[in-house]
Amino acid sequence: MTLTRRTPEDMATVTIGDGVATISRRGRTEAIVARILGTERDPQSGTETVWLDRLVHYLKETQMQEWTCSGAITTILQRPLPPA
């Protein structure tokens, strides 16, 4: 029997919608929905930042797909800007 080790990036899916972010996790039937407090697209740093109204990432989780996640009280998501 071969066990496949899942990476944290594989375990959560982030979907940004109109005013909300939805986080779906493997093995969970319910998604986490958080309101978007603000967004910023900074061409100088080449990043897009999204501020959420709640904590949606785990304590030691730093990555969800292409998003870097951080924050102690609310989650801040950052990713590189897509090519124009």
PDB file of N, CA and C in Angstrom:
ATOM      1  N   MET A   1       0.842  -1.176   0.000  1.00  0.00           N
ATOM      2  CA  MET A   1       0.000   0.000   0.000  1.00  0.00           C
ATOM      3  C   MET A   1       0.890   1.242   0.000  1.00  0.00           C
ATOM      4  N   THR A   2       0.584   2.186  -0.872  1.00  0.00           N
ATOM      5  CA  THR A   2       1.343   3.424  -0.972  1.00  0.00           C
ATOM      6  C   THR A   2       0.499   4.572  -0.439  1.00  0.00           C
ATOM      7  N   LEU A   3       1.067   5.334   0.476  1.00  0.00           N
ATOM      8  CA  LEU A   3       0.380   6.501   0.996  1.00  0.00           C
ATOM      9  C   LEU A   3       0.844   7.734   0.238  1.00  0.00           C
ATOM     10  N   THR A   4      -0.090   8.562  -0.152  1.00  0.00           N
ATOM     11  CA  THR A   4       0.239   9.806  -0.828  1.00  0.00           C
ATOM     12  C   THR A   4       0.228  10.919   0.201  1.00  0.00           C
ATOM     13  N   ARG A   5       1.321  11.596   0.322  1.00  0.00           N
ATOM     14  CA  ARG A   5       1.398  12.702   1.268  1.00  0.00           C
ATOM     15  C   ARG A   5       0.815  13.949   0.612  1.00  0.00           C
ATOM     16  N   ARG A   6      -0.173  14.506   1.247  1.00  0.00           N
ATOM     17  CA  ARG A   6      -0.788  15.729   0.729  1.00  0.00           C
ATOM     18  C   ARG A   6      -0.031  16.941   1.240  1.00  0.00           C
ATOM     19  N   THR A   7       0.157  17.884   0.365  1.00  0.00           N
ATOM     20  CA  THR A   7       0.775  19.129   0.777  1.00  0.00           C
ATOM     21  C   THR A   7      -0.336  20.093   1.177  1.00  0.00           C
ATOM     22  N   PRO A   8      -0.044  21.089   2.024  1.00  0.00           N
ATOM     23  CA  PRO A   8      -1.072  22.045   2.424  1.00  0.00           C
ATOM     24  C   PRO A   8      -1.727  22.744   1.240  1.00  0.00           C
ATOM     25  N   GLU A   9      -0.958  22.960   0.162  1.00  0.00           N
ATOM     26  CA  GLU A   9      -1.505  23.633  -1.007  1.00  0.00           C
ATOM     27  C   GLU A   9      -2.620  22.813  -1.651  1.00  0.00           C
ATOM     28  N   ASP A  10      -2.537  21.482  -1.523  1.00  0.00           N
ATOM     29  CA  ASP A  10      -3.537  20.607  -2.120  1.00  0.00           C
ATOM     30  C   ASP A  10      -4.805  20.507  -1.284  1.00  0.00           C
ATOM     31  N   MET A  11      -4.747  20.921  -0.044  1.00  0.00           N
ATOM     32  CA  MET A  11      -5.844  20.669   0.868  1.00  0.00           C
ATOM     33  C   MET A  11      -6.897  21.767   0.904  1.00  0.00           C
ATOM     34  N   ALA A  12      -6.619  22.949   0.400  1.00  0.00           N
ATOM     35  CA  ALA A  12      -7.579  24.055   0.427  1.00  0.00           C
ATOM     36  C   ALA A  12      -7.689  24.694  -0.950  1.00  0.00           C
ATOM     37  N   THR A  13      -8.912  25.049  -1.307  1.00  0.00           N
ATOM     38  CA  THR A  13      -9.184  25.738  -2.562  1.00  0.00           C
ATOM     39  C   THR A  13      -9.780  27.096  -2.229  1.00  0.00           C
ATOM     40  N   VAL A  14      -9.220  28.152  -2.789  1.00  0.00           N
ATOM     41  CA  VAL A  14      -9.693  29.512  -2.550  1.00  0.00           C
ATOM     42  C   VAL A  14     -10.430  29.996  -3.790  1.00  0.00           C
ATOM     43  N   THR A  15     -11.647  30.493  -3.591  1.00  0.00           N
ATOM     44  CA  THR A  15     -12.432  31.086  -4.669  1.00  0.00           C
ATOM     45  C   THR A  15     -12.826  32.493  -4.240  1.00  0.00           C
ATOM     46  N   ILE A  16     -12.432  33.476  -5.031  1.00  0.00           N
ATOM     47  CA  ILE A  16     -12.772  34.866  -4.744  1.00  0.00           C
ATOM     48  C   ILE A  16     -14.004  35.227  -5.562  1.00  0.00           C
ATOM     49  N   GLY A  17     -15.053  35.663  -4.872  1.00  0.00           N
ATOM     50  CA  GLY A  17     -16.294  36.046  -5.541  1.00  0.00           C
ATOM     51  C   GLY A  17     -16.585  37.515  -5.328  1.00  0.00           C
ATOM     52  N   ASP A  18     -17.827  37.884  -5.502  1.00  0.00           N
ATOM     53  CA  ASP A  18     -18.254  39.273  -5.367  1.00  0.00           C
ATOM     54  C   ASP A  18     -18.432  39.610  -3.886  1.00  0.00           C
ATOM     55  N   GLY A  19     -17.396  40.123  -3.269  1.00  0.00           N
ATOM     56  CA  GLY A  19     -17.454  40.515  -1.875  1.00  0.00           C
ATOM     57  C   GLY A  19     -17.197  39.404  -0.879  1.00  0.00           C
ATOM     58  N   VAL A  20     -16.972  38.178  -1.353  1.00  0.00           N
ATOM     59  CA  VAL A  20     -16.711  37.054  -0.448  1.00  0.00           C
ATOM     60  C   VAL A  20     -15.587  36.188  -0.980  1.00  0.00           C
ATOM     61  N   ALA A  21     -14.934  35.492  -0.048  1.00  0.00           N
ATOM     62  CA  ALA A  21     -13.946  34.472  -0.397  1.00  0.00           C
ATOM     63  C   ALA A  21     -14.464  33.157   0.169  1.00  0.00           C
ATOM     64  N   THR A  22     -14.388  32.111  -0.628  1.00  0.00           N
ATOM     65  CA  THR A  22     -14.843  30.799  -0.200  1.00  0.00           C
ATOM     66  C   THR A  22     -13.647  29.855  -0.164  1.00  0.00           C
ATOM     67  N   ILE A  23     -13.477  29.194   0.979  1.00  0.00           N
ATOM     68  CA  ILE A  23     -12.374  28.258   1.147  1.00  0.00           C
ATOM     69  C   ILE A  23     -12.978  26.867   1.309  1.00  0.00           C
ATOM     70  N   SER A  24     -12.624  25.968   0.410  1.00  0.00           N
ATOM     71  CA  SER A  24     -13.079  24.581   0.466  1.00  0.00           C
ATOM     72  C   SER A  24     -11.883  23.715   0.814  1.00  0.00           C
ATOM     73  N   ARG A  25     -12.095  22.762   1.697  1.00  0.00           N
ATOM     74  CA  ARG A  25     -11.018  21.868   2.116  1.00  0.00           C
ATOM     75  C   ARG A  25     -11.372  20.430   1.788  1.00  0.00           C
ATOM     76  N   ARG A  26     -10.370  19.668   1.386  1.00  0.00           N
ATOM     77  CA  ARG A  26     -10.578  18.241   1.116  1.00  0.00           C
ATOM     78  C   ARG A  26     -11.046  17.547   2.385  1.00  0.00           C
ATOM     79  N   GLY A  27     -12.007  16.661   2.218  1.00  0.00           N
ATOM     80  CA  GLY A  27     -12.500  15.904   3.356  1.00  0.00           C
ATOM     81  C   GLY A  27     -13.548  16.635   4.173  1.00  0.00           C
ATOM     82  N   ARG A  28     -13.868  17.863   3.813  1.00  0.00           N
ATOM     83  CA  ARG A  28     -14.878  18.657   4.520  1.00  0.00           C
ATOM     84  C   ARG A  28     -16.048  18.911   3.567  1.00  0.00           C
ATOM     85  N   THR A  29     -17.256  18.790   4.076  1.00  0.00           N
ATOM     86  CA  THR A  29     -18.426  19.017   3.219  1.00  0.00           C
ATOM     87  C   THR A  29     -18.835  20.475   3.188  1.00  0.00           C
ATOM     88  N   GLU A  30     -18.544  21.217   4.244  1.00  0.00           N
ATOM     89  CA  GLU A  30     -18.936  22.617   4.300  1.00  0.00           C
ATOM     90  C   GLU A  30     -17.760  23.521   3.966  1.00  0.00           C
ATOM     91  N   ALA A  31     -18.041  24.536   3.174  1.00  0.00           N
ATOM     92  CA  ALA A  31     -17.014  25.521   2.823  1.00  0.00           C
ATOM     93  C   ALA A  31     -17.028  26.649   3.851  1.00  0.00           C
ATOM     94  N   ILE A  32     -15.911  27.331   3.983  1.00  0.00           N
ATOM     95  CA  ILE A  32     -15.806  28.509   4.844  1.00  0.00           C
ATOM     96  C   ILE A  32     -16.010  29.728   3.956  1.00  0.00           C
ATOM     97  N   VAL A  33     -16.918  30.607   4.337  1.00  0.00           N
ATOM     98  CA  VAL A  33     -17.182  31.820   3.569  1.00  0.00           C
ATOM     99  C   VAL A  33     -16.824  33.015   4.441  1.00  0.00           C
ATOM    100  N   ALA A  34     -16.003  33.911   3.918  1.00  0.00           N
ATOM    101  CA  ALA A  34     -15.595  35.109   4.647  1.00  0.00           C
ATOM    102  C   ALA A  34     -15.832  36.323   3.769  1.00  0.00           C
ATOM    103  N   ARG A  35     -16.237  37.401   4.387  1.00  0.00           N
ATOM    104  CA  ARG A  35     -16.403  38.662   3.647  1.00  0.00           C
ATOM    105  C   ARG A  35     -15.037  39.250   3.334  1.00  0.00           C
ATOM    106  N   ILE A  36     -14.951  39.897   2.199  1.00  0.00           N
ATOM    107  CA  ILE A  36     -13.729  40.602   1.813  1.00  0.00           C
ATOM    108  C   ILE A  36     -13.829  42.026   2.342  1.00  0.00           C
ATOM    109  N   LEU A  37     -12.890  42.395   3.209  1.00  0.00           N
ATOM    110  CA  LEU A  37     -12.867  43.745   3.770  1.00  0.00           C
ATOM    111  C   LEU A  37     -12.216  44.744   2.817  1.00  0.00           C
ATOM    112  N   GLY A  38     -11.273  44.264   2.022  1.00  0.00           N
ATOM    113  CA  GLY A  38     -10.585  45.146   1.094  1.00  0.00           C
ATOM    114  C   GLY A  38      -9.674  44.352   0.179  1.00  0.00           C
ATOM    115  N   THR A  39      -9.345  44.956  -0.946  1.00  0.00           N
ATOM    116  CA  THR A  39      -8.413  44.350  -1.899  1.00  0.00           C
ATOM    117  C   THR A  39      -7.462  45.421  -2.403  1.00  0.00           C
ATOM    118  N   GLU A  40      -6.289  44.985  -2.832  1.00  0.00           N
ATOM    119  CA  GLU A  40      -5.305  45.897  -3.405  1.00  0.00           C
ATOM    120  C   GLU A  40      -4.499  45.149  -4.450  1.00  0.00           C
ATOM    121  N   ARG A  41      -4.359  45.768  -5.596  1.00  0.00           N
ATOM    122  CA  ARG A  41      -3.494  45.243  -6.660  1.00  0.00           C
ATOM    123  C   ARG A  41      -2.356  46.239  -6.820  1.00  0.00           C
ATOM    124  N   ASP A  42      -1.159  45.802  -6.463  1.00  0.00           N
ATOM    125  CA  ASP A  42       0.005  46.682  -6.479  1.00  0.00           C
ATOM    126  C   ASP A  42       0.948  46.275  -7.605  1.00  0.00           C
ATOM    127  N   PRO A  43       0.933  47.013  -8.726  1.00  0.00           N
ATOM    128  CA  PRO A  43       1.815  46.666  -9.837  1.00  0.00           C
ATOM    129  C   PRO A  43       3.299  46.796  -9.493  1.00  0.00           C
ATOM    130  N   GLN A  44       3.643  47.692  -8.570  1.00  0.00           N
ATOM    131  CA  GLN A  44       5.053  47.860  -8.199  1.00  0.00           C
ATOM    132  C   GLN A  44       5.614  46.616  -7.533  1.00  0.00           C
ATOM    133  N   SER A  45       4.860  46.055  -6.582  1.00  0.00           N
ATOM    134  CA  SER A  45       5.342  44.843  -5.906  1.00  0.00           C
ATOM    135  C   SER A  45       4.903  43.590  -6.650  1.00  0.00           C
ATOM    136  N   GLY A  46       3.947  43.748  -7.570  1.00  0.00           N
ATOM    137  CA  GLY A  46       3.476  42.614  -8.356  1.00  0.00           C
ATOM    138  C   GLY A  46       2.589  41.660  -7.568  1.00  0.00           C
ATOM    139  N   THR A  47       1.890  42.202  -6.543  1.00  0.00           N
ATOM    140  CA  THR A  47       1.044  41.351  -5.713  1.00  0.00           C
ATOM    141  C   THR A  47      -0.391  41.852  -5.654  1.00  0.00           C
ATOM    142  N   GLU A  48      -1.273  40.907  -5.411  1.00  0.00           N
ATOM    143  CA  GLU A  48      -2.669  41.198  -5.121  1.00  0.00           C
ATOM    144  C   GLU A  48      -2.896  40.783  -3.671  1.00  0.00           C
ATOM    145  N   THR A  49      -3.514  41.649  -2.874  1.00  0.00           N
ATOM    146  CA  THR A  49      -3.771  41.379  -1.470  1.00  0.00           C
ATOM    147  C   THR A  49      -5.261  41.439  -1.210  1.00  0.00           C
ATOM    148  N   VAL A  50      -5.760  40.476  -0.437  1.00  0.00           N
ATOM    149  CA  VAL A  50      -7.172  40.434  -0.063  1.00  0.00           C
ATOM    150  C   VAL A  50      -7.248  40.292   1.452  1.00  0.00           C
ATOM    151  N   TRP A  51      -7.979  41.211   2.115  1.00  0.00           N
ATOM    152  CA  TRP A  51      -8.171  41.167   3.560  1.00  0.00           C
ATOM    153  C   TRP A  51      -9.546  40.583   3.846  1.00  0.00           C
ATOM    154  N   LEU A  52      -9.595  39.560   4.693  1.00  0.00           N
ATOM    155  CA  LEU A  52     -10.854  38.901   5.031  1.00  0.00           C
ATOM    156  C   LEU A  52     -11.322  39.305   6.429  1.00  0.00           C
ATOM    157  N   ASP A  53     -12.601  39.084   6.719  1.00  0.00           N
ATOM    158  CA  ASP A  53     -13.167  39.500   8.003  1.00  0.00           C
ATOM    159  C   ASP A  53     -13.002  38.475   9.112  1.00  0.00           C
ATOM    160  N   ARG A  54     -12.393  37.347   8.819  1.00  0.00           N
ATOM    161  CA  ARG A  54     -12.207  36.307   9.835  1.00  0.00           C
ATOM    162  C   ARG A  54     -10.969  35.480   9.531  1.00  0.00           C
ATOM    163  N   LEU A  55     -10.589  34.679  10.480  1.00  0.00           N
ATOM    164  CA  LEU A  55      -9.449  33.782  10.328  1.00  0.00           C
ATOM    165  C   LEU A  55      -9.930  32.514   9.635  1.00  0.00           C
ATOM    166  N   VAL A  56      -9.384  32.216   8.462  1.00  0.00           N
ATOM    167  CA  VAL A  56      -9.822  31.035   7.712  1.00  0.00           C
ATOM    168  C   VAL A  56      -8.684  30.047   7.465  1.00  0.00           C
ATOM    169  N   HIS A  57      -7.463  30.399   7.867  1.00  0.00           N
ATOM    170  CA  HIS A  57      -6.342  29.480   7.680  1.00  0.00           C
ATOM    171  C   HIS A  57      -5.939  28.886   9.025  1.00  0.00           C
ATOM    172  N   TYR A  58      -5.287  27.726   8.971  1.00  0.00           N
ATOM    173  CA  TYR A  58      -4.829  27.056  10.176  1.00  0.00           C
ATOM    174  C   TYR A  58      -3.576  27.739  10.714  1.00  0.00           C
ATOM    175  N   LEU A  59      -3.270  27.474  11.972  1.00  0.00           N
ATOM    176  CA  LEU A  59      -2.160  28.123  12.670  1.00  0.00           C
ATOM    177  C   LEU A  59      -0.844  28.066  11.893  1.00  0.00           C
ATOM    178  N   LYS A  60      -0.445  26.895  11.424  1.00  0.00           N
ATOM    179  CA  LYS A  60       0.842  26.762  10.731  1.00  0.00           C
ATOM    180  C   LYS A  60       0.693  26.724   9.217  1.00  0.00           C
ATOM    181  N   GLU A  61      -0.477  27.039   8.715  1.00  0.00           N
ATOM    182  CA  GLU A  61      -0.720  27.035   7.277  1.00  0.00           C
ATOM    183  C   GLU A  61      -0.253  28.368   6.689  1.00  0.00           C
ATOM    184  N   THR A  62       0.577  28.298   5.675  1.00  0.00           N
ATOM    185  CA  THR A  62       1.099  29.522   5.060  1.00  0.00           C
ATOM    186  C   THR A  62       0.738  29.626   3.587  1.00  0.00           C
ATOM    187  N   GLN A  63       0.166  28.571   3.022  1.00  0.00           N
ATOM    188  CA  GLN A  63      -0.112  28.549   1.591  1.00  0.00           C
ATOM    189  C   GLN A  63      -1.444  27.862   1.321  1.00  0.00           C
ATOM    190  N   MET A  64      -2.267  28.470   0.456  1.00  0.00           N
ATOM    191  CA  MET A  64      -3.487  27.865  -0.064  1.00  0.00           C
ATOM    192  C   MET A  64      -3.486  28.116  -1.565  1.00  0.00           C
ATOM    193  N   GLN A  65      -3.222  27.080  -2.328  1.00  0.00           N
ATOM    194  CA  GLN A  65      -3.043  27.205  -3.767  1.00  0.00           C
ATOM    195  C   GLN A  65      -1.962  28.242  -4.035  1.00  0.00           C
ATOM    196  N   GLU A  66      -2.247  29.221  -4.903  1.00  0.00           N
ATOM    197  CA  GLU A  66      -1.240  30.249  -5.210  1.00  0.00           C
ATOM    198  C   GLU A  66      -1.225  31.367  -4.179  1.00  0.00           C
ATOM    199  N   TRP A  67      -2.121  31.317  -3.194  1.00  0.00           N
ATOM    200  CA  TRP A  67      -2.239  32.364  -2.183  1.00  0.00           C
ATOM    201  C   TRP A  67      -1.330  32.083  -0.993  1.00  0.00           C
ATOM    202  N   THR A  68      -0.628  33.112  -0.536  1.00  0.00           N
ATOM    203  CA  THR A  68       0.081  33.070   0.731  1.00  0.00           C
ATOM    204  C   THR A  68      -0.877  33.598   1.772  1.00  0.00           C
ATOM    205  N   CYS A  69      -1.023  32.898   2.892  1.00  0.00           N
ATOM    206  CA  CYS A  69      -1.958  33.348   3.917  1.00  0.00           C
ATOM    207  C   CYS A  69      -1.213  33.671   5.208  1.00  0.00           C
ATOM    208  N   SER A  70      -1.684  34.727   5.864  1.00  0.00           N
ATOM    209  CA  SER A  70      -1.083  35.155   7.125  1.00  0.00           C
ATOM    210  C   SER A  70      -2.153  35.869   7.938  1.00  0.00           C
ATOM    211  N   GLY A  71      -1.802  36.227   9.154  1.00  0.00           N
ATOM    212  CA  GLY A  71      -2.715  36.964  10.016  1.00  0.00           C
ATOM    213  C   GLY A  71      -2.997  36.212  11.299  1.00  0.00           C
ATOM    214  N   ALA A  72      -3.158  36.958  12.395  1.00  0.00           N
ATOM    215  CA  ALA A  72      -3.426  36.359  13.693  1.00  0.00           C
ATOM    216  C   ALA A  72      -4.894  36.483  14.086  1.00  0.00           C
ATOM    217  N   ILE A  73      -5.570  37.514  13.623  1.00  0.00           N
ATOM    218  CA  ILE A  73      -6.969  37.733  13.976  1.00  0.00           C
ATOM    219  C   ILE A  73      -7.867  37.551  12.757  1.00  0.00           C
ATOM    220  N   THR A  74      -7.421  38.028  11.619  1.00  0.00           N
ATOM    221  CA  THR A  74      -8.117  37.808  10.350  1.00  0.00           C
ATOM    222  C   THR A  74      -7.094  37.320   9.332  1.00  0.00           C
ATOM    223  N   THR A  75      -7.567  36.681   8.283  1.00  0.00           N
ATOM    224  CA  THR A  75      -6.668  36.163   7.264  1.00  0.00           C
ATOM    225  C   THR A  75      -6.393  37.233   6.209  1.00  0.00           C
ATOM    226  N   ILE A  76      -5.133  37.340   5.838  1.00  0.00           N
ATOM    227  CA  ILE A  76      -4.696  38.184   4.725  1.00  0.00           C
ATOM    228  C   ILE A  76      -4.155  37.251   3.660  1.00  0.00           C
ATOM    229  N   LEU A  77      -4.713  37.336   2.462  1.00  0.00           N
ATOM    230  CA  LEU A  77      -4.274  36.515   1.338  1.00  0.00           C
ATOM    231  C   LEU A  77      -3.471  37.362   0.383  1.00  0.00           C
ATOM    232  N   GLN A  78      -2.369  36.820  -0.125  1.00  0.00           N
ATOM    233  CA  GLN A  78      -1.549  37.517  -1.132  1.00  0.00           C
ATOM    234  C   GLN A  78      -1.141  36.518  -2.207  1.00  0.00           C
ATOM    235  N   ARG A  79      -1.107  37.003  -3.447  1.00  0.00           N
ATOM    236  CA  ARG A  79      -0.613  36.191  -4.546  1.00  0.00           C
ATOM    237  C   ARG A  79       0.011  37.095  -5.597  1.00  0.00           C
ATOM    238  N   PRO A  80       0.852  36.533  -6.441  1.00  0.00           N
ATOM    239  CA  PRO A  80       1.419  37.337  -7.531  1.00  0.00           C
ATOM    240  C   PRO A  80       0.312  37.747  -8.492  1.00  0.00           C
ATOM    241  N   LEU A  81       0.445  38.953  -9.035  1.00  0.00           N
ATOM    242  CA  LEU A  81      -0.519  39.408 -10.043  1.00  0.00           C
ATOM    243  C   LEU A  81      -0.408  38.558 -11.281  1.00  0.00           C
ATOM    244  N   PRO A  82      -1.535  38.182 -11.870  1.00  0.00           N
ATOM    245  CA  PRO A  82      -1.467  37.430 -13.118  1.00  0.00           C
ATOM    246  C   PRO A  82      -0.902  38.310 -14.228  1.00  0.00           C
ATOM    247  N   PRO A  83      -0.248  37.723 -15.227  1.00  0.00           N
ATOM    248  CA  PRO A  83       0.284  38.514 -16.341  1.00  0.00           C
ATOM    249  C   PRO A  83      -0.836  39.267 -17.057  1.00  0.00           C
ATOM    250  N   ALA A  84      -0.531  40.468 -17.473  1.00  0.00           N
ATOM    251  CA  ALA A  84      -1.551  41.297 -18.148  1.00  0.00           C
ATOM    252  C   ALA A  84      -1.829  40.853 -19.553  1.00  0.00           C
TER     253      ALA A  84
END
